[in-house]
Amino acid sequence: MKNLLLLLVLCVSFSINAQEDEEFNSNLNWLTDLNEAKAESVTSKKPILIYFTGSDWCAPCKMLKTDFFNSVEFEEKAKQFVLLMIDMPRRTDIITKEQKEKNIKVVSKYNASGGYPNLVALNDKLNIIGELSGYTFLRETDRHFAFIDSILENY
């Protein structure tokens, strides 16, 4: 009986952690359409920051989301970007078939190497102005903050 109770507690805790893992900082406005991001970039005169992720299978993507994108420091800097998330999940219930087709087109143009996680900065003409790929298990976000700072300084 004790083993059954322990198993139940573990299952509930894993379930709660899985649900928490799927949430992004709700204060950030992540777009999922490149054309919409371009239009907003033209209007706002802000660079586009694309986040290529595999939300359900990429462990470094999940860590980067927690350590970098959900940080207060990124939330402040994000106000100076048009944010675009391109998710390539393996599960079919996370994004629609139409969204996946759109994402495949963006991946083929801006993440041809297929690295995840990958950050790509674009100007309002959709030209690449910077790229940073990967995230280590050391969970150091210094490179990522330096990358977005350099984009902002040179935009």
Protein backbone atom coordinates (compact mmCIF):
# COMPACT_ATOMS: atom_id res chain seq x y z
CA MET A 1 0.00 0.00 0.00
CA LYS A 2 2.84 2.39 0.83
CA ASN A 3 4.44 1.68 -2.54
CA LEU A 4 1.16 2.43 -4.32
CA LEU A 5 0.80 5.71 -2.43
CA LEU A 6 4.39 6.66 -3.25
CA LEU A 7 3.79 5.88 -6.91
CA LEU A 8 0.67 8.06 -6.91
CA VAL A 9 2.54 10.99 -5.34
CA LEU A 10 5.34 10.69 -7.89
CA CYS A 11 2.90 10.60 -10.80
CA VAL A 12 1.10 13.71 -9.56
CA SER A 13 4.35 15.62 -9.06
CA PHE A 14 5.60 14.69 -12.55
CA SER A 15 2.26 15.77 -13.99
CA ILE A 16 2.47 19.15 -12.26
CA ASN A 17 6.06 19.65 -13.45
CA ALA A 18 5.10 18.77 -17.03
CA GLN A 19 2.29 21.33 -16.97
CA GLU A 20 4.55 24.03 -15.55
CA ASP A 21 7.20 23.24 -18.16
CA GLU A 22 4.84 24.08 -21.02
CA GLU A 23 4.09 27.65 -19.93
CA PHE A 24 5.90 30.72 -21.19
CA ASN A 25 6.09 34.07 -19.44
CA SER A 26 2.60 35.41 -20.09
CA ASN A 27 3.90 39.00 -20.26
CA LEU A 28 5.66 38.24 -23.54
CA ASN A 29 3.85 38.54 -26.86
CA TRP A 30 5.14 35.63 -28.95
CA LEU A 31 3.88 35.70 -32.52
CA THR A 32 3.82 32.52 -34.62
CA ASP A 33 3.49 33.99 -38.12
CA LEU A 34 6.48 35.48 -39.96
CA ASN A 35 4.35 37.84 -42.07
CA GLU A 36 2.68 39.21 -38.96
CA ALA A 37 6.10 39.65 -37.32
CA LYS A 38 7.39 41.49 -40.39
CA ALA A 39 4.41 43.86 -40.41
CA GLU A 40 4.90 44.62 -36.71
CA SER A 41 8.64 45.11 -37.24
CA VAL A 42 8.02 47.64 -40.01
CA THR A 43 5.48 49.53 -37.90
CA SER A 44 7.41 49.46 -34.63
CA LYS A 45 10.91 49.75 -36.15
CA LYS A 46 12.05 46.85 -33.93
CA PRO A 47 14.14 43.85 -34.98
CA ILE A 48 12.53 40.41 -35.07
CA LEU A 49 13.88 37.77 -32.70
CA ILE A 50 13.04 34.25 -33.86
CA TYR A 51 13.20 31.44 -31.33
CA PHE A 52 13.43 28.02 -32.99
CA THR A 53 12.37 25.35 -30.51
CA GLY A 54 11.27 21.76 -30.24
CA SER A 55 8.95 22.35 -27.31
CA ASP A 56 8.19 18.72 -26.52
CA TRP A 57 11.50 17.00 -27.24
CA CYS A 58 14.42 19.48 -27.00
CA ALA A 59 15.80 19.48 -23.46
CA PRO A 60 18.13 22.48 -24.04
CA CYS A 61 15.11 24.39 -25.48
CA LYS A 62 13.15 23.76 -22.30
CA MET A 63 16.06 24.87 -20.13
CA LEU A 64 16.60 28.02 -22.22
CA LYS A 65 12.93 28.87 -21.89
CA THR A 66 13.14 28.59 -18.10
CA ASP A 67 16.52 30.26 -17.61
CA PHE A 68 16.47 32.95 -20.29
CA PHE A 69 13.06 33.67 -21.78
CA ASN A 70 11.21 33.51 -18.46
CA SER A 71 13.70 35.81 -16.72
CA VAL A 72 12.85 39.35 -15.62
CA GLU A 73 15.91 40.64 -17.49
CA PHE A 74 14.70 39.15 -20.79
CA GLU A 75 11.18 40.42 -20.19
CA GLU A 76 12.57 43.97 -20.10
CA LYS A 77 14.74 43.53 -23.20
CA ALA A 78 11.92 41.79 -25.09
CA LYS A 79 10.06 45.10 -25.28
CA GLN A 80 12.63 46.15 -27.88
CA PHE A 81 11.97 43.15 -30.16
CA VAL A 82 9.18 41.61 -32.17
CA LEU A 83 9.16 38.05 -30.80
CA LEU A 84 8.51 35.12 -33.12
CA MET A 85 8.42 31.52 -31.92
CA ILE A 86 8.85 28.74 -34.47
CA ASP A 87 8.04 25.45 -32.77
CA MET A 88 8.79 22.09 -34.36
CA PRO A 89 7.25 19.64 -31.89
CA ARG A 90 7.12 15.91 -32.49
CA ARG A 91 3.68 15.53 -30.97
CA THR A 92 0.89 16.34 -33.40
CA ASP A 93 -1.46 17.92 -30.84
CA ILE A 94 0.73 20.92 -29.97
CA ILE A 95 0.38 22.96 -33.16
CA THR A 96 -1.98 22.67 -36.11
CA LYS A 97 -0.98 21.05 -39.39
CA GLU A 98 -1.22 24.47 -41.06
CA GLN A 99 1.07 26.03 -38.44
CA LYS A 100 3.57 23.21 -38.86
CA GLU A 101 3.63 23.80 -42.63
CA LYS A 102 4.30 27.53 -42.05
CA ASN A 103 7.01 26.68 -39.52
CA ILE A 104 8.72 24.27 -41.92
CA LYS A 105 9.03 27.09 -44.48
CA VAL A 106 10.56 29.44 -41.89
CA VAL A 107 12.94 26.69 -40.67
CA SER A 108 14.09 25.93 -44.21
CA LYS A 109 14.95 29.59 -44.79
CA TYR A 110 16.27 30.77 -41.41
CA ASN A 111 17.36 27.59 -39.58
CA ALA A 112 18.59 25.41 -42.43
CA SER A 113 21.23 23.77 -40.20
CA GLY A 114 18.41 22.46 -38.01
CA GLY A 115 19.97 23.45 -34.69
CA TYR A 116 17.73 23.69 -31.62
CA PRO A 117 17.45 25.92 -29.73
CA ASN A 118 18.39 28.61 -32.19
CA LEU A 119 17.95 32.37 -32.05
CA VAL A 120 17.91 34.37 -35.27
CA ALA A 121 17.53 38.14 -35.47
CA LEU A 122 16.03 39.73 -38.58
CA ASN A 123 15.56 43.29 -39.72
CA ASP A 124 12.24 44.53 -41.08
CA LYS A 125 13.24 43.35 -44.58
CA LEU A 126 13.65 39.80 -43.19
CA ASN A 127 17.43 39.81 -43.62
CA ILE A 128 19.45 37.95 -41.00
CA ILE A 129 21.36 40.34 -38.74
CA GLY A 130 22.48 37.79 -36.15
CA GLU A 131 22.29 34.16 -35.09
CA LEU A 132 23.07 32.17 -31.96
CA SER A 133 22.63 28.43 -31.73
CA GLY A 134 22.54 26.06 -28.78
CA TYR A 135 22.37 26.10 -25.00
CA THR A 136 24.61 24.16 -22.66
CA PHE A 137 23.69 22.06 -19.68
CA LEU A 138 25.72 24.53 -17.58
CA ARG A 139 22.66 26.78 -17.96
CA GLU A 140 24.65 29.97 -18.49
CA THR A 141 22.65 32.67 -20.27
CA ASP A 142 25.50 35.19 -20.65
CA ARG A 143 25.97 34.42 -24.37
CA HIS A 144 22.26 34.86 -25.03
CA PHE A 145 22.05 38.23 -23.29
CA ALA A 146 25.24 39.38 -25.06
CA PHE A 147 23.67 38.31 -28.37
CA ILE A 148 20.45 40.28 -27.92
CA ASP A 149 22.38 43.27 -26.54
CA SER A 150 24.59 43.30 -29.65
CA ILE A 151 21.53 43.15 -31.91
CA LEU A 152 19.98 46.11 -30.11
CA GLU A 153 23.23 48.12 -30.16
CA ASN A 154 23.65 47.65 -33.90
CA TYR A 155 20.05 47.99 -35.04
